[in-house]
Amino acid sequence: MAVDFNIIGKRLKMARKQKAYTQEMLAEKMGVSVAYLSKIETGKLHINIERLTQICKLLDVTEGEILNGVSHQSKQYLQTEFNDLLSQCSSQKQKLIYKLAKVICEEDF
């Protein structure tokens, strides 16, 4: 399984914003430059486990939440990611996704 550093970066950025930290604030707490943190958040820099653990502690999230997108603390963890995904789609694509989701939800598996 390949690690997608773009997704990890997006999740870290989302966690930082939920904590109401600016990049400057988090970079200072980490002891790194804003440019370094920006590269992590954009997936341009491959973060190691030690640095990931450091950031997760500062943002009060688990490594699993960042790596897998799963938060056991929130019942609606996927809703945020789904909303982010939808916001990137055109209205036509959003309608198509809605129709597909509706069919899936109505199916009896």
Protein backbone atom coordinates (compact mmCIF):
# COMPACT_ATOMS: atom_id res chain seq x y z
CA MET A 1 0.00 0.00 0.00
CA ALA A 2 1.48 3.34 -1.05
CA VAL A 3 1.39 6.26 1.33
CA ASP A 4 -0.40 9.30 -0.12
CA PHE A 5 1.39 12.26 1.41
CA ASN A 6 -1.04 14.69 -0.25
CA ILE A 7 -3.93 13.21 1.75
CA ILE A 8 -1.87 13.14 4.94
CA GLY A 9 -1.00 16.79 4.40
CA LYS A 10 -4.64 17.73 3.81
CA ARG A 11 -5.71 15.94 6.99
CA LEU A 12 -2.97 17.66 8.97
CA LYS A 13 -4.03 21.02 7.58
CA MET A 14 -7.65 20.31 8.46
CA ALA A 15 -6.67 19.29 12.00
CA ARG A 16 -4.57 22.45 12.35
CA LYS A 17 -7.47 24.63 11.25
CA GLN A 18 -9.88 22.83 13.60
CA LYS A 19 -7.47 23.67 16.42
CA ALA A 20 -7.53 27.30 15.16
CA TYR A 21 -3.76 27.34 14.64
CA THR A 22 -2.11 29.27 11.86
CA GLN A 23 0.83 27.73 10.09
CA GLU A 24 3.02 30.21 11.92
CA MET A 25 1.68 29.12 15.32
CA LEU A 26 2.12 25.40 14.64
CA ALA A 27 5.54 25.84 13.04
CA GLU A 28 6.71 27.74 16.11
CA LYS A 29 5.43 25.02 18.46
CA MET A 30 7.21 22.42 16.32
CA GLY A 31 10.43 24.41 16.08
CA VAL A 32 10.41 24.41 12.28
CA SER A 33 9.94 26.99 9.53
CA VAL A 34 6.57 27.86 8.04
CA ALA A 35 7.93 26.75 4.66
CA TYR A 36 8.72 23.30 6.08
CA LEU A 37 5.21 22.94 7.53
CA SER A 38 3.68 24.18 4.28
CA LYS A 39 5.55 21.48 2.35
CA ILE A 40 4.18 18.84 4.73
CA GLU A 41 0.62 20.13 4.33
CA THR A 42 0.87 20.15 0.54
CA GLY A 43 2.41 16.67 0.40
CA LYS A 44 5.65 17.95 -1.14
CA LEU A 45 7.64 16.73 1.84
CA HIS A 46 7.39 13.15 3.04
CA ILE A 47 6.84 13.29 6.77
CA ASN A 48 8.45 10.68 9.01
CA ILE A 49 6.74 8.93 11.92
CA GLU A 50 8.54 10.97 14.59
CA ARG A 51 7.46 14.27 13.06
CA LEU A 52 3.93 12.95 12.49
CA THR A 53 3.69 11.94 16.14
CA GLN A 54 4.92 15.38 17.21
CA ILE A 55 2.33 17.18 15.08
CA CYS A 56 -0.47 14.84 16.19
CA LYS A 57 0.28 15.54 19.85
CA LEU A 58 0.25 19.28 19.22
CA LEU A 59 -3.04 19.06 17.32
CA ASP A 60 -4.60 16.56 19.72
CA VAL A 61 -5.35 13.98 17.01
CA THR A 62 -4.20 10.40 16.60
CA GLU A 63 -1.79 9.16 13.98
CA GLY A 64 -4.51 6.76 12.83
CA GLU A 65 -6.85 9.65 12.20
CA ILE A 66 -4.26 11.34 10.00
CA LEU A 67 -3.05 8.20 8.22
CA ASN A 68 -6.43 6.50 7.77
CA GLY A 69 -8.91 9.35 8.02
CA VAL A 70 -10.60 7.60 10.93
CA SER A 71 -11.33 9.29 14.20
CA HIS A 72 -12.82 7.11 16.87
CA GLN A 73 -13.64 10.25 18.85
CA SER A 74 -16.08 11.58 16.27
CA LYS A 75 -19.14 9.80 14.96
CA GLN A 76 -19.19 12.02 11.89
CA TYR A 77 -15.52 11.75 10.92
CA LEU A 78 -16.29 10.92 7.31
CA GLN A 79 -18.78 13.74 6.87
CA THR A 80 -16.05 16.38 6.88
CA GLU A 81 -13.98 14.56 4.27
CA PHE A 82 -17.08 13.90 2.15
CA ASN A 83 -18.07 17.58 2.33
CA ASP A 84 -14.54 18.62 1.34
CA LEU A 85 -14.66 16.24 -1.61
CA LEU A 86 -18.06 17.51 -2.74
CA SER A 87 -16.96 21.13 -2.50
CA GLN A 88 -14.30 20.38 -5.13
CA CYS A 89 -16.87 19.05 -7.61
CA SER A 90 -19.03 20.91 -10.07
CA SER A 91 -22.76 21.05 -9.37
CA GLN A 92 -23.33 18.45 -12.10
CA LYS A 93 -20.93 16.03 -10.44
CA GLN A 94 -22.51 16.72 -7.05
CA LYS A 95 -25.92 15.78 -8.45
CA LEU A 96 -24.51 12.57 -9.91
CA ILE A 97 -22.82 11.67 -6.62
CA TYR A 98 -26.08 12.35 -4.78
CA LYS A 99 -28.04 10.09 -7.14
CA LEU A 100 -25.48 7.30 -6.78
CA ALA A 101 -25.41 7.63 -3.00
CA LYS A 102 -29.21 7.56 -2.88
CA VAL A 103 -29.34 4.33 -4.91
CA ILE A 104 -26.71 2.75 -2.67
CA CYS A 105 -28.51 3.81 0.51
CA GLU A 106 -31.81 2.43 -0.74
CA GLU A 107 -30.28 -0.96 -1.64
CA ASP A 108 -30.87 -3.82 0.76
CA PHE A 109 -27.51 -5.51 1.24
